[in-house]
């Protein structure tokens, strides 16, 4: 009888412990800039999908808070004396979220898929003569010629990030979306608990092995300090802020400046700028169809648009934006206004003159207008009257961002479900030079949505990639900037930072070019 009593007591004790553990589960609830609908961060450059990628995948290299490249999944690497052979050794004990070991073959397949889609990856792969896995932990890359951006490419921080995936997943056609979300990152995506338009759910990855170094930027130890993360879908910014004030969410990724005063007086709320380098607005052209198949007509847009109006309408507070007539971010080593001094100032007369010279025939611009992104939903509405004053006909078509992300991949004529132009923004770290800037690719079908096709741009981007002298690199970058005037691929429209609001009991949020939800504690 005593033995039975002891067993009963032990059972009750165990149940109590389990109930306590379940009750003590720490859940971080966040409201982000968009709902997650596309889960393949190689297929799309959408920022929300990149955030998703950083949750569940890891990378060979990553940038720290100073934007310096550091090893992540890689333990050590070496290069041959002739700078042609690169050998990378993976850290010991890396596993996928299903418990199977990460192998070098997985990584080779992942690099290949990423290199087929990403602008910087495509440039790297163009000089790779051999890429293989001599053993389960070793990646061997042999170049056709020395290349100065190997680590910068593999450590790319934003879209498209070279996330590592299992070989079976990475062998998916890069032009088709993956469905298997097995990763080796700090979290696991719970597809069965996620509901589009409601919430996206992640839990701590029990197989993840953090680095021993402290977290810094996207590098270092990605130590998860909560049990569960829920991305709560709240499309309206005011409603997001109200949810934060009521304690229904712990973090709002992007707070429009006009709502900041509402939070400033709240002692339980903190304002934090995660991406100190900021972002750059851009209008992207589709060069496949009229009217923007004509470079001269695209050039008219450079004069028609007034950059400051975009910044005032979408950011409002000059403390969070910067007028910048440079293709590369102001404050970066390649900043230059050369050739752009008279652009982006709303010169309607000049735009009209160029349109007339180009023989514009009144073909409407199908302008995609996202309506649900904070700091972005007034971009197309500002552009429409500016373009119309210059003589363009504009067909403004409203949709949510995820619908736009899907539609921009279509090459159909604008009148048949395609598009002429759309607006987006890039992290400043994505547009630092001619190779990292996706919109500067002139690689035709291999270029990102818009499909710019210009051998001269490609020649200049190659020259930049193989040049090691910073002064000569800057000179090449200026040539690129001038070429974009003659062959416009996109329109840069100024810089901005996005304040994040968190409850005061949330600590450990990192300064990163893309949102990182590891290292966070909920006190």
Protein backbone atom coordinates (compact mmCIF):
# COMPACT_ATOMS: atom_id res chain seq x y z
CA UNK A 1 0.00 0.00 0.00
CA UNK A 2 2.83 2.35 0.84
CA UNK A 3 4.39 1.73 -2.55
CA UNK A 4 1.08 2.53 -4.29
CA UNK A 5 0.72 5.70 -2.23
CA UNK A 6 4.19 6.79 -3.19
CA UNK A 7 3.43 6.16 -6.86
CA UNK A 8 0.26 8.22 -6.61
CA UNK A 9 2.14 11.07 -4.92
CA UNK A 10 4.86 10.93 -7.56
CA UNK A 11 2.24 11.01 -10.30
CA UNK A 12 0.59 14.05 -8.74
CA UNK A 13 3.99 15.74 -8.35
CA UNK A 14 4.89 15.05 -11.97
CA UNK A 15 1.54 16.37 -13.14
CA UNK A 16 2.05 19.49 -11.04
CA UNK A 17 5.51 20.06 -12.54
CA UNK A 18 4.19 19.58 -16.08
CA UNK A 19 1.28 21.90 -15.44
CA UNK A 20 3.66 24.49 -14.03
CA UNK A 21 5.97 24.16 -17.04
CA UNK A 22 3.05 24.57 -19.44
CA UNK A 23 1.77 27.56 -17.52
CA UNK A 24 5.23 29.12 -17.55
CA UNK A 25 5.56 28.99 -21.35
CA UNK A 26 6.86 32.36 -22.53
CA UNK A 27 5.09 33.70 -25.62
CA UNK A 28 6.34 36.75 -27.55
CA UNK A 29 3.57 38.35 -29.60
CA UNK A 30 4.54 40.83 -32.31
CA UNK A 31 2.71 42.86 -34.95
CA UNK A 32 4.76 43.14 -38.14
CA UNK A 33 4.48 45.25 -41.28
CA UNK A 34 2.70 42.59 -43.32
CA UNK A 35 1.00 39.22 -43.19
CA UNK A 36 3.08 36.19 -44.23
CA UNK A 37 1.73 34.40 -47.29
CA UNK A 38 4.88 33.41 -49.22
CA UNK A 39 7.28 31.23 -47.21
CA UNK A 40 10.12 30.87 -49.73
CA UNK A 41 12.78 33.58 -49.08
CA UNK A 42 14.69 32.63 -52.24
CA UNK A 43 11.66 32.85 -54.54
CA UNK A 44 10.70 36.34 -53.32
CA UNK A 45 12.53 39.40 -52.00
CA UNK A 46 9.57 40.45 -49.81
CA UNK A 47 10.86 41.67 -46.45
CA UNK A 48 8.26 39.75 -44.42
CA UNK A 49 9.48 36.52 -46.04
CA UNK A 50 13.07 37.48 -45.25
CA UNK A 51 12.03 37.95 -41.60
CA UNK A 52 10.50 34.47 -41.77
CA UNK A 53 13.75 33.14 -43.24
CA UNK A 54 15.83 34.56 -40.39
CA UNK A 55 13.51 32.83 -37.92
CA UNK A 56 13.87 29.28 -39.26
CA UNK A 57 17.08 29.18 -41.33
CA UNK A 58 20.73 29.92 -40.69
CA UNK A 59 23.51 31.21 -42.94
CA UNK A 60 27.14 30.35 -43.56
CA UNK A 61 28.18 33.92 -42.70
CA UNK A 62 26.37 36.93 -41.23
CA UNK A 63 26.97 40.62 -40.57
CA UNK A 64 27.41 41.93 -37.05
CA UNK A 65 26.23 45.24 -35.62
CA UNK A 66 29.08 47.05 -37.43
CA UNK A 67 28.05 45.35 -40.71
CA UNK A 68 31.26 43.30 -40.70
CA UNK A 69 31.04 39.75 -42.07
CA UNK A 70 31.47 37.02 -39.45
CA UNK A 71 31.25 33.19 -39.66
CA UNK A 72 27.91 31.70 -38.63
CA UNK A 73 27.41 28.07 -39.66
CA UNK A 74 31.04 28.03 -40.78
CA UNK A 75 33.68 27.11 -38.22
CA UNK A 76 36.75 28.05 -40.28
CA UNK A 77 37.73 28.80 -43.86
CA UNK A 78 40.86 29.26 -45.94
CA UNK A 79 41.83 30.46 -49.38
CA UNK A 80 44.61 29.29 -51.66
CA UNK A 81 47.59 31.51 -52.44
CA UNK A 82 46.17 32.32 -55.88
CA UNK A 83 42.80 33.31 -54.28
CA UNK A 84 40.94 30.83 -56.47
CA UNK A 85 40.15 27.98 -54.08
CA UNK A 86 37.99 28.62 -51.03
CA UNK A 87 37.47 25.88 -48.45
CA UNK A 88 34.79 26.22 -45.76
CA UNK A 89 34.42 23.86 -42.79
CA UNK A 90 31.03 23.69 -41.07
CA UNK A 91 30.68 23.81 -37.30
CA UNK A 92 30.33 20.44 -35.64
CA UNK A 93 26.91 19.31 -34.44
CA UNK A 94 24.67 21.36 -36.76
CA UNK A 95 21.23 19.79 -37.24
CA UNK A 96 18.06 20.44 -39.17
CA UNK A 97 14.85 20.98 -37.24
CA UNK A 98 13.88 17.34 -37.95
CA UNK A 99 16.98 16.19 -36.04
CA UNK A 100 19.06 15.10 -39.07
CA UNK A 101 22.63 16.41 -39.52
CA UNK A 102 23.38 19.42 -41.70
CA UNK A 103 25.82 18.40 -44.43
CA UNK A 104 28.04 20.28 -46.83
CA UNK A 105 25.99 18.81 -49.71
CA UNK A 106 22.92 20.56 -48.29
CA UNK A 107 24.82 23.84 -48.31
CA UNK A 108 26.14 23.39 -51.84
CA UNK A 109 22.60 22.83 -53.13
CA UNK A 110 21.40 25.87 -51.17
CA UNK A 111 24.12 28.11 -52.59
CA UNK A 112 23.24 27.00 -56.11
CA UNK A 113 19.51 27.72 -55.70
CA UNK A 114 20.18 31.12 -54.11
CA UNK A 115 22.74 31.94 -56.81
CA UNK A 116 20.15 31.35 -59.50
CA UNK A 117 17.79 34.00 -58.07
CA UNK A 118 19.74 36.63 -56.15
CA UNK A 119 21.52 39.46 -57.95
CA UNK A 120 24.68 39.18 -55.87
CA UNK A 121 24.52 35.39 -55.92
CA UNK A 122 24.20 35.32 -59.68
CA UNK A 123 27.31 37.48 -59.99
CA UNK A 124 29.26 35.20 -57.64
CA UNK A 125 28.16 32.03 -59.42
CA UNK A 126 29.24 33.48 -62.76
CA UNK A 127 32.87 33.17 -61.59
CA UNK A 128 32.51 29.82 -59.80
CA UNK A 129 34.08 27.04 -61.82
CA UNK A 130 33.59 24.27 -59.27
CA UNK A 131 31.40 23.93 -56.19
CA UNK A 132 31.26 20.69 -54.25
CA UNK A 133 31.41 18.86 -50.94
CA UNK A 134 34.56 16.72 -50.47
CA UNK A 135 33.11 15.44 -47.19
CA UNK A 136 30.09 16.02 -44.94
CA UNK A 137 31.52 19.15 -43.30
CA UNK A 138 33.58 20.69 -46.11
CA UNK A 139 32.46 23.02 -48.91
CA UNK A 140 34.96 23.62 -51.70
CA UNK A 141 34.55 26.52 -54.09
CA UNK A 142 36.97 27.00 -57.00
CA UNK A 143 36.79 30.31 -58.86
CA UNK A 144 37.64 31.00 -62.49
CA UNK A 145 39.36 34.21 -61.39
CA UNK A 146 39.91 36.03 -58.07
CA UNK A 147 36.72 37.65 -56.80
CA UNK A 148 36.62 40.27 -54.06
CA UNK A 149 33.08 39.72 -52.75
CA UNK A 150 32.95 36.03 -51.79
CA UNK A 151 32.35 36.50 -48.06
CA UNK A 152 30.18 39.58 -48.58
CA UNK A 153 27.97 37.49 -50.89
CA UNK A 154 27.63 34.51 -48.55
CA UNK A 155 27.06 36.89 -45.63
CA UNK A 156 24.38 38.95 -47.38
CA UNK A 157 21.91 40.13 -44.74
CA UNK A 158 18.74 40.94 -46.67
CA UNK A 159 16.76 39.83 -49.69
CA UNK A 160 17.70 37.47 -51.07
CA UNK A 161 19.60 35.98 -48.15
CA UNK A 162 21.63 32.81 -48.85
CA UNK A 163 19.72 30.72 -46.30
CA UNK A 164 20.82 27.10 -45.97
CA UNK A 165 18.19 24.41 -46.59
CA UNK A 166 18.23 20.61 -46.76
CA UNK A 167 19.39 19.32 -50.14
CA UNK A 168 15.97 17.83 -50.94
CA UNK A 169 14.44 21.30 -50.50
CA UNK A 170 17.23 23.29 -52.13
CA UNK A 171 16.97 21.19 -55.28
CA UNK A 172 13.53 22.72 -55.91
CA UNK A 173 13.44 24.76 -59.12
CA UNK A 174 14.34 28.32 -57.99
CA UNK A 175 11.39 29.61 -59.99
CA UNK A 176 9.00 27.45 -58.00
CA UNK A 177 8.11 27.96 -54.36
CA UNK A 178 9.17 25.47 -51.72
CA UNK A 179 6.64 23.86 -49.38
CA UNK A 180 9.01 22.15 -46.92
CA UNK A 181 10.14 24.58 -44.20
CA UNK A 182 12.75 22.40 -42.50
CA UNK A 183 15.59 24.68 -41.40
CA UNK A 184 18.57 24.81 -39.04
CA UNK A 185 17.75 28.20 -37.54
CA UNK A 186 16.73 29.19 -34.02
CA UNK A 187 12.98 28.68 -34.51
CA UNK A 188 10.63 26.15 -36.11
CA UNK A 189 7.68 27.29 -38.22
CA UNK A 190 4.41 25.75 -37.04
CA UNK A 191 2.45 25.58 -40.26
CA UNK A 192 -0.35 23.60 -38.62
CA UNK A 193 -0.98 26.39 -36.09
CA UNK A 194 -0.52 29.34 -38.46
CA UNK A 195 -3.48 31.01 -40.15
CA UNK A 196 -3.03 33.58 -42.97
CA UNK A 197 -4.63 36.84 -41.93
CA UNK A 198 -4.66 35.77 -38.29
CA UNK A 199 -1.28 34.67 -36.95
CA UNK A 200 2.01 32.97 -37.80
CA UNK A 201 3.49 30.70 -35.15
CA UNK A 202 7.07 29.70 -34.33
CA UNK A 203 8.51 27.67 -31.47
CA UNK A 204 12.04 27.29 -30.16
CA UNK A 205 14.11 24.84 -32.23
CA UNK A 206 15.34 22.14 -29.80
CA UNK A 207 18.08 21.09 -32.21
CA UNK A 208 19.56 24.55 -32.79
CA UNK A 209 23.18 25.01 -31.75
CA UNK A 210 24.05 28.71 -31.18
CA UNK A 211 27.55 30.05 -31.59
CA UNK A 212 29.42 30.80 -28.38
CA UNK A 213 30.00 34.50 -29.14
CA UNK A 214 27.52 37.12 -27.88
CA UNK A 215 24.81 38.12 -30.34
CA UNK A 216 25.75 41.11 -32.51
CA UNK A 217 23.61 42.16 -35.43
CA UNK A 218 22.72 38.99 -37.32
CA UNK A 219 25.94 37.30 -36.17
CA UNK A 220 27.02 35.60 -32.96
CA UNK A 221 24.98 33.36 -30.69
CA UNK A 222 21.32 33.24 -31.69
CA UNK A 223 20.09 32.26 -28.24
CA UNK A 224 16.30 31.89 -28.04
CA UNK A 225 14.95 33.05 -24.67
CA UNK A 226 11.22 32.57 -25.29
CA UNK A 227 9.32 29.35 -25.95
CA UNK A 228 7.03 30.62 -28.65
CA UNK A 229 6.67 33.56 -31.03
CA UNK A 230 3.38 34.61 -32.60
CA UNK A 231 3.18 37.10 -35.43
CA UNK A 232 -0.27 38.59 -34.94
CA UNK A 233 -1.82 39.89 -38.16
CA UNK A 234 -3.15 43.43 -37.58
CA UNK A 235 -3.24 45.39 -40.87
CA UNK A 236 -4.03 48.81 -39.41
CA UNK A 237 -1.22 50.77 -37.70
CA UNK A 238 -3.51 52.49 -35.19
CA UNK A 239 -4.96 49.13 -34.18
CA UNK A 240 -1.43 47.73 -33.79
CA UNK A 241 -0.51 50.59 -31.46
CA UNK A 242 -3.71 50.11 -29.45
CA UNK A 243 -2.90 46.41 -29.09
CA UNK A 244 0.57 47.35 -27.80
CA UNK A 245 -0.87 49.80 -25.28
CA UNK A 246 -3.33 47.16 -24.08
CA UNK A 247 -0.61 44.53 -23.69
CA UNK A 248 -2.10 42.32 -26.42
CA UNK A 249 1.20 42.41 -28.34
CA UNK A 250 4.73 42.98 -27.07
CA UNK A 251 6.23 44.64 -30.15
CA UNK A 252 5.09 46.69 -33.13
CA UNK A 253 7.69 46.52 -35.87
CA UNK A 254 6.94 49.82 -37.61
CA UNK A 255 5.23 52.79 -35.96
CA UNK A 256 4.31 55.65 -38.33
CA UNK A 257 5.80 58.92 -37.01
CA UNK A 258 2.37 60.50 -36.55
CA UNK A 259 1.57 57.86 -33.91
CA UNK A 260 4.83 58.28 -31.99
CA UNK A 261 3.49 61.13 -29.79
CA UNK A 262 0.78 58.79 -28.58
CA UNK A 263 3.45 56.39 -27.30
CA UNK A 264 5.95 58.95 -26.00
CA UNK A 265 4.00 59.58 -22.79
CA UNK A 266 3.56 55.88 -21.98
CA UNK A 267 6.04 54.69 -19.35
CA UNK A 268 5.41 51.05 -20.30
CA UNK A 269 6.48 51.62 -23.94
CA UNK A 270 9.97 52.08 -25.42
CA UNK A 271 10.89 53.31 -28.92
CA UNK A 272 13.80 51.51 -30.59
CA UNK A 273 15.30 51.89 -34.08
CA UNK A 274 16.61 48.43 -34.97
CA UNK A 275 17.99 49.19 -38.45
CA UNK A 276 20.23 52.21 -37.88
CA UNK A 277 21.34 52.23 -41.53
CA UNK A 278 17.72 52.70 -42.58
CA UNK A 279 15.99 51.97 -45.87
CA UNK A 280 15.76 53.46 -49.37
CA UNK A 281 12.50 53.98 -51.25
CA UNK A 282 12.44 52.91 -54.90
CA UNK A 283 10.07 52.91 -57.86
CA UNK A 284 10.73 49.88 -60.06
CA UNK A 285 10.11 49.83 -63.82
CA UNK A 286 8.93 46.87 -65.90
CA UNK A 287 10.98 47.19 -69.09
CA UNK A 288 9.25 44.38 -70.98
CA UNK A 289 6.17 46.31 -72.10
CA UNK A 290 5.00 49.76 -73.19
CA UNK A 291 5.44 52.44 -72.10
CA UNK A 292 8.54 51.63 -70.01
CA UNK A 293 10.19 49.48 -72.65
CA UNK A 294 11.48 52.85 -73.90
CA UNK A 295 14.41 54.08 -71.74
CA UNK A 296 13.69 57.68 -72.75
CA UNK A 297 10.17 57.46 -71.32
CA UNK A 298 11.59 56.04 -68.11
CA UNK A 299 14.04 58.95 -68.04
CA UNK A 300 11.11 61.38 -68.03
CA UNK A 301 10.01 59.83 -64.71
CA UNK A 302 13.35 60.83 -63.13
CA UNK A 303 12.40 64.46 -63.73
CA UNK A 304 8.66 64.15 -63.04
CA UNK A 305 8.96 62.78 -59.49
CA UNK A 306 9.63 64.98 -56.45
CA UNK A 307 11.48 62.93 -53.84
CA UNK A 308 10.65 65.17 -50.88
CA UNK A 309 6.90 64.83 -51.45
CA UNK A 310 7.22 61.07 -51.09
CA UNK A 311 9.15 61.43 -47.84
CA UNK A 312 6.76 64.01 -46.40
CA UNK A 313 3.68 61.96 -47.27
CA UNK A 314 4.97 58.60 -46.04
CA UNK A 315 7.30 59.53 -43.16
CA UNK A 316 6.40 63.12 -42.32
CA UNK A 317 8.93 63.68 -39.56
CA UNK A 318 12.33 64.87 -40.92
CA UNK A 319 13.98 63.25 -37.91
CA UNK A 320 13.24 59.92 -39.59
CA UNK A 321 14.00 60.70 -43.25
CA UNK A 322 16.73 62.08 -45.48
CA UNK A 323 16.46 63.59 -48.98
CA UNK A 324 19.19 61.85 -50.99
CA UNK A 325 19.85 62.31 -54.70
CA UNK A 326 22.20 59.36 -54.88
CA UNK A 327 21.66 55.85 -56.23
CA UNK A 328 23.72 54.56 -53.30
CA UNK A 329 22.77 55.50 -49.71
CA UNK A 330 23.78 58.89 -48.37
CA UNK A 331 26.31 58.35 -45.61
CA UNK A 332 27.75 55.28 -47.34
CA UNK A 333 31.20 55.15 -49.04
CA UNK A 334 29.67 55.32 -52.54
CA UNK A 335 27.34 58.27 -51.93
CA UNK A 336 27.39 60.63 -54.91
CA UNK A 337 25.00 63.12 -56.49
CA UNK A 338 26.90 63.08 -59.78
CA UNK A 339 24.44 63.32 -62.66
CA UNK A 340 21.40 63.45 -60.37
CA UNK A 341 21.57 67.06 -59.20
CA UNK A 342 18.61 68.12 -61.40
CA UNK A 343 16.57 64.93 -60.97
CA UNK A 344 13.86 64.00 -58.43
CA UNK A 345 12.71 67.61 -57.95
CA UNK A 346 9.40 67.56 -59.80
CA UNK A 347 10.60 69.29 -62.98
CA UNK A 348 7.34 68.89 -64.89
CA UNK A 349 8.42 70.99 -67.87
CA UNK A 350 11.57 68.90 -68.44
CA UNK A 351 9.58 65.66 -68.04
CA UNK A 352 7.02 66.85 -70.62
CA UNK A 353 9.79 67.75 -73.06
CA UNK A 354 11.42 64.31 -72.77
CA UNK A 355 8.06 62.55 -73.14
CA UNK A 356 7.36 64.45 -76.34
CA UNK A 357 10.82 63.68 -77.72
CA UNK A 358 10.33 59.99 -76.83
CA UNK A 359 7.05 59.82 -78.73
CA UNK A 360 4.91 58.76 -75.78
CA UNK A 361 1.58 57.61 -77.24
CA UNK A 362 -0.57 57.73 -74.12
CA UNK A 363 -0.23 54.07 -73.13
CA UNK A 364 -1.38 53.95 -69.49
CA UNK A 365 1.06 53.17 -66.72
CA UNK A 366 -0.39 50.33 -64.64
CA UNK A 367 0.88 51.47 -61.25
CA UNK A 368 0.55 48.92 -58.45
CA UNK A 369 -0.50 50.53 -55.18
CA UNK A 370 0.02 48.68 -51.90
CA UNK A 371 -2.47 49.83 -49.28
CA UNK A 372 -1.43 48.03 -46.13
CA UNK A 373 2.26 48.77 -45.44
CA UNK A 374 3.14 51.45 -42.87
CA UNK A 375 5.38 54.13 -44.41
CA UNK A 376 4.63 52.82 -47.92
CA UNK A 377 0.91 53.15 -48.56
CA UNK A 378 1.13 56.72 -49.90
CA UNK A 379 3.92 56.12 -52.41
CA UNK A 380 1.77 55.37 -55.46
CA UNK A 381 -0.80 58.02 -54.56
CA UNK A 382 1.94 60.66 -54.46
CA UNK A 383 3.37 59.46 -57.77
CA UNK A 384 0.08 59.47 -59.69
CA UNK A 385 -0.50 63.27 -59.81
CA UNK A 386 3.21 63.95 -60.34
CA UNK A 387 3.25 61.65 -63.37
CA UNK A 388 -0.06 62.98 -64.69
CA UNK A 389 1.21 66.56 -64.53
CA UNK A 390 4.07 65.46 -66.78
CA UNK A 391 1.63 64.00 -69.31
CA UNK A 392 1.46 60.32 -68.36
CA UNK A 393 -1.80 58.43 -68.18
CA UNK A 394 -1.88 56.45 -64.93
CA UNK A 395 -3.99 53.43 -64.04
CA UNK A 396 -3.64 53.11 -60.26
CA UNK A 397 -4.53 49.62 -59.04
CA UNK A 398 -4.86 49.11 -55.29
CA UNK A 399 -4.05 45.83 -53.51
CA UNK A 400 -2.41 44.51 -50.37
CA UNK A 401 1.34 43.96 -50.36
CA UNK A 402 1.21 40.17 -50.59
CA UNK A 403 -1.00 40.38 -53.67
CA UNK A 404 1.45 42.85 -55.18
CA UNK A 405 4.38 40.53 -54.40
CA UNK A 406 2.65 37.76 -56.34
CA UNK A 407 1.61 39.97 -59.24
CA UNK A 408 5.01 41.59 -59.79
CA UNK A 409 6.36 38.16 -60.81
CA UNK A 410 4.05 38.12 -63.85
CA UNK A 411 5.52 39.00 -67.24
CA UNK A 412 2.11 39.45 -68.88
CA UNK A 413 1.35 42.79 -70.57
CA UNK A 414 -0.02 45.37 -68.13
CA UNK A 415 -3.47 45.28 -69.74
CA UNK A 416 -3.60 41.51 -69.22
CA UNK A 417 -2.81 41.30 -65.52
CA UNK A 418 0.78 42.48 -65.61
CA UNK A 419 2.17 45.80 -64.44
CA UNK A 420 4.24 48.84 -65.42
CA UNK A 421 5.74 49.97 -62.10
CA UNK A 422 5.52 49.45 -58.35
CA UNK A 423 7.06 50.93 -55.21
CA UNK A 424 9.06 49.24 -52.49
CA UNK A 425 11.99 49.90 -50.20
CA UNK A 426 15.33 48.22 -49.61
CA UNK A 427 17.51 48.11 -46.53
CA UNK A 428 20.48 50.43 -46.99
CA UNK A 429 22.74 47.40 -46.63
CA UNK A 430 21.07 45.92 -49.73
CA UNK A 431 21.95 48.86 -51.96
CA UNK A 432 25.48 49.73 -50.83
CA UNK A 433 27.15 49.00 -54.16
CA UNK A 434 26.40 48.01 -57.78
CA UNK A 435 26.60 44.27 -57.08
CA UNK A 436 24.41 44.12 -53.97
CA UNK A 437 21.72 46.36 -55.47
CA UNK A 438 19.20 44.00 -57.08
CA UNK A 439 17.57 46.76 -59.13
CA UNK A 440 20.90 47.52 -60.84
CA UNK A 441 21.14 44.11 -62.48
CA UNK A 442 20.90 44.32 -66.24
CA UNK A 443 20.86 40.55 -66.66
CA UNK A 444 17.56 40.40 -68.56
CA UNK A 445 15.58 37.26 -67.58
CA UNK A 446 17.97 36.65 -64.69
CA UNK A 447 17.34 40.11 -63.26
CA UNK A 448 14.73 40.54 -60.55
CA UNK A 449 11.12 41.58 -61.25
CA UNK A 450 11.17 44.29 -63.93
CA UNK A 451 13.78 42.37 -65.92
CA UNK A 452 16.17 45.19 -66.81
CA UNK A 453 18.33 44.17 -69.74
CA UNK A 454 21.49 46.18 -70.31
CA UNK A 455 24.94 44.76 -71.20
CA UNK A 456 26.60 48.05 -70.23
CA UNK A 457 25.32 47.82 -66.66
CA UNK A 458 26.48 44.22 -66.43
CA UNK A 459 29.92 45.19 -67.70
CA UNK A 460 30.20 47.90 -65.04
CA UNK A 461 28.95 45.61 -62.26
CA UNK A 462 31.57 43.04 -63.26
CA UNK A 463 34.26 45.70 -63.22
CA UNK A 464 33.23 46.73 -59.72
CA UNK A 465 33.18 43.14 -58.47
CA UNK A 466 36.73 42.44 -59.64
CA UNK A 467 38.22 45.77 -58.56
CA UNK A 468 39.94 45.86 -55.15
CA UNK A 469 41.03 49.52 -55.02
CA UNK A 470 38.30 51.53 -53.15
CA UNK A 471 39.01 54.70 -55.13
CA UNK A 472 38.62 52.85 -58.43
CA UNK A 473 35.50 51.11 -57.11
CA UNK A 474 33.95 54.50 -56.34
CA UNK A 475 34.73 55.72 -59.85
CA UNK A 476 33.03 52.65 -61.32
CA UNK A 477 30.02 53.16 -59.04
CA UNK A 478 29.68 56.72 -60.38
CA UNK A 479 29.70 55.33 -63.92
CA UNK A 480 26.88 52.99 -62.88
CA UNK A 481 24.97 55.94 -61.45
CA UNK A 482 25.33 57.82 -64.72
CA UNK A 483 24.31 54.76 -66.74
CA UNK A 484 21.07 54.52 -64.74
CA UNK A 485 20.15 57.95 -66.09
CA UNK A 486 20.49 56.74 -69.71
CA UNK A 487 19.01 53.33 -68.94
CA UNK A 488 16.81 53.78 -65.85
CA UNK A 489 16.16 50.55 -63.97
CA UNK A 490 14.46 52.21 -60.99
CA UNK A 491 14.10 55.54 -59.22
CA UNK A 492 15.71 55.99 -55.76
CA UNK A 493 13.42 58.17 -53.65
CA UNK A 494 15.21 58.99 -50.41
CA UNK A 495 16.03 57.29 -47.13
CA UNK A 496 14.20 56.68 -43.89
CA UNK A 497 14.38 54.81 -40.61
CA UNK A 498 11.51 52.94 -38.99
CA UNK A 499 10.95 53.22 -35.24
CA UNK A 500 9.90 50.03 -33.48
CA UNK A 501 7.80 50.16 -30.30
CA UNK A 502 8.18 47.55 -27.56
CA UNK A 503 6.76 47.10 -24.10
CA UNK A 504 9.22 47.98 -21.32
CA UNK A 505 9.43 44.38 -20.09
CA UNK A 506 10.97 43.30 -23.41
CA UNK A 507 14.78 43.35 -23.33
CA UNK A 508 17.52 42.21 -25.68
CA UNK A 509 16.21 43.54 -29.02
CA UNK A 510 19.21 43.81 -31.34
CA UNK A 511 20.38 46.45 -33.83
CA UNK A 512 20.03 44.52 -37.07
CA UNK A 513 19.42 45.21 -40.80
CA UNK A 514 16.56 42.67 -40.62
CA UNK A 515 14.34 41.99 -37.61
CA UNK A 516 15.85 39.45 -35.18
CA UNK A 517 13.65 37.90 -32.49
CA UNK A 518 16.29 35.79 -30.77
CA UNK A 519 18.16 37.21 -27.76
CA UNK A 520 14.88 38.74 -26.56
CA UNK A 521 13.67 38.17 -23.01
CA UNK A 522 10.20 38.85 -21.72
CA UNK A 523 10.65 39.92 -18.08
